Amino acid sequence: MLNLPFNLPFWPIVIGAGILHFAIGTVAAIVAKNKGRNFTIWLPLGLFAGTPALIAAWRLEGQADRVSENPNQ
């Protein structure tokens, strides 16, 4: 059995980390949706990637930002 610090049980930590990972991925999909991206594409991406997907979603430009940069199109 794996010895963790402070005698913490192994499986509750793994399950908790997985739940947190999926929650962060869901937030990433919601952030991307609010910036005009497709939620059905970003949800699996967020559930798979977790925190990196959230960082990528935060860095996305919103649709209003993209339109204002190219007024001629």
Protein backbone atom coordinates (compact mmCIF):
# COMPACT_ATOMS: atom_id res chain seq x y z
CA MET A 1 0.00 0.00 0.00
CA LEU A 2 1.15 3.50 -0.77
CA ASN A 3 2.18 5.55 2.27
CA LEU A 4 0.81 9.08 2.03
CA PRO A 5 1.75 11.88 4.40
CA PHE A 6 -0.44 12.37 7.46
CA ASN A 7 -1.97 8.87 7.03
CA LEU A 8 -4.44 10.09 4.41
CA PRO A 9 -6.35 7.35 2.56
CA PHE A 10 -5.37 6.86 -1.07
CA TRP A 11 -8.67 6.37 -2.96
CA PRO A 12 -10.61 9.32 -1.52
CA ILE A 13 -7.75 11.58 -2.60
CA VAL A 14 -7.77 10.13 -6.13
CA ILE A 15 -11.55 10.43 -6.41
CA GLY A 16 -11.49 13.99 -5.05
CA ALA A 17 -8.77 14.98 -7.50
CA GLY A 18 -10.80 13.49 -10.37
CA ILE A 19 -13.93 15.38 -9.36
CA LEU A 20 -11.93 18.61 -9.12
CA HIS A 21 -10.38 17.92 -12.55
CA PHE A 22 -13.82 17.45 -14.15
CA ALA A 23 -15.18 20.56 -12.41
CA ILE A 24 -12.30 22.67 -13.74
CA GLY A 25 -12.88 21.22 -17.22
CA THR A 26 -16.57 22.08 -17.07
CA VAL A 27 -15.72 25.65 -16.05
CA ALA A 28 -13.34 25.83 -19.02
CA ALA A 29 -16.17 24.83 -21.37
CA ILE A 30 -18.47 27.44 -19.83
CA VAL A 31 -15.81 30.16 -20.18
CA ALA A 32 -15.25 29.21 -23.83
CA LYS A 33 -19.03 29.21 -24.46
CA ASN A 34 -19.32 32.70 -22.97
CA LYS A 35 -16.63 33.83 -25.39
CA GLY A 36 -18.63 32.53 -28.36
CA ARG A 37 -17.05 29.10 -28.83
CA ASN A 38 -18.86 25.79 -29.32
CA PHE A 39 -19.72 24.23 -25.93
CA THR A 40 -20.00 20.70 -27.35
CA ILE A 41 -16.40 20.88 -28.56
CA TRP A 42 -15.01 22.48 -25.43
CA LEU A 43 -16.73 20.19 -22.90
CA PRO A 44 -14.85 17.00 -23.89
CA LEU A 45 -11.69 19.05 -24.29
CA GLY A 46 -12.13 20.49 -20.82
CA LEU A 47 -12.97 17.13 -19.24
CA PHE A 48 -9.87 15.61 -20.78
CA ALA A 49 -7.42 18.46 -20.27
CA GLY A 50 -8.72 20.10 -17.08
CA THR A 51 -6.56 23.02 -15.96
CA PRO A 52 -4.74 23.54 -19.31
CA ALA A 53 -8.14 23.81 -21.02
CA LEU A 54 -9.21 26.43 -18.48
CA ILE A 55 -6.06 28.44 -19.14
CA ALA A 56 -6.64 28.17 -22.90
CA ALA A 57 -10.27 29.25 -22.52
CA TRP A 58 -9.23 32.27 -20.47
CA ARG A 59 -6.79 33.29 -23.19
CA LEU A 60 -9.39 33.09 -25.99
CA GLU A 61 -10.62 36.27 -27.57
CA GLY A 62 -14.36 36.83 -27.43
CA GLN A 63 -16.38 37.21 -30.61
CA ALA A 64 -16.83 40.95 -29.98
CA ASP A 65 -13.04 41.32 -29.70
CA ARG A 66 -12.48 39.56 -33.02
CA VAL A 67 -15.09 41.65 -34.85
CA SER A 68 -13.77 44.97 -33.56
CA GLU A 69 -10.23 44.20 -34.77
CA ASN A 70 -11.34 43.71 -38.42
CA PRO A 71 -14.16 46.17 -39.13
CA ASN A 72 -13.77 45.73 -42.93
CA GLN A 73 -14.78 42.06 -42.93
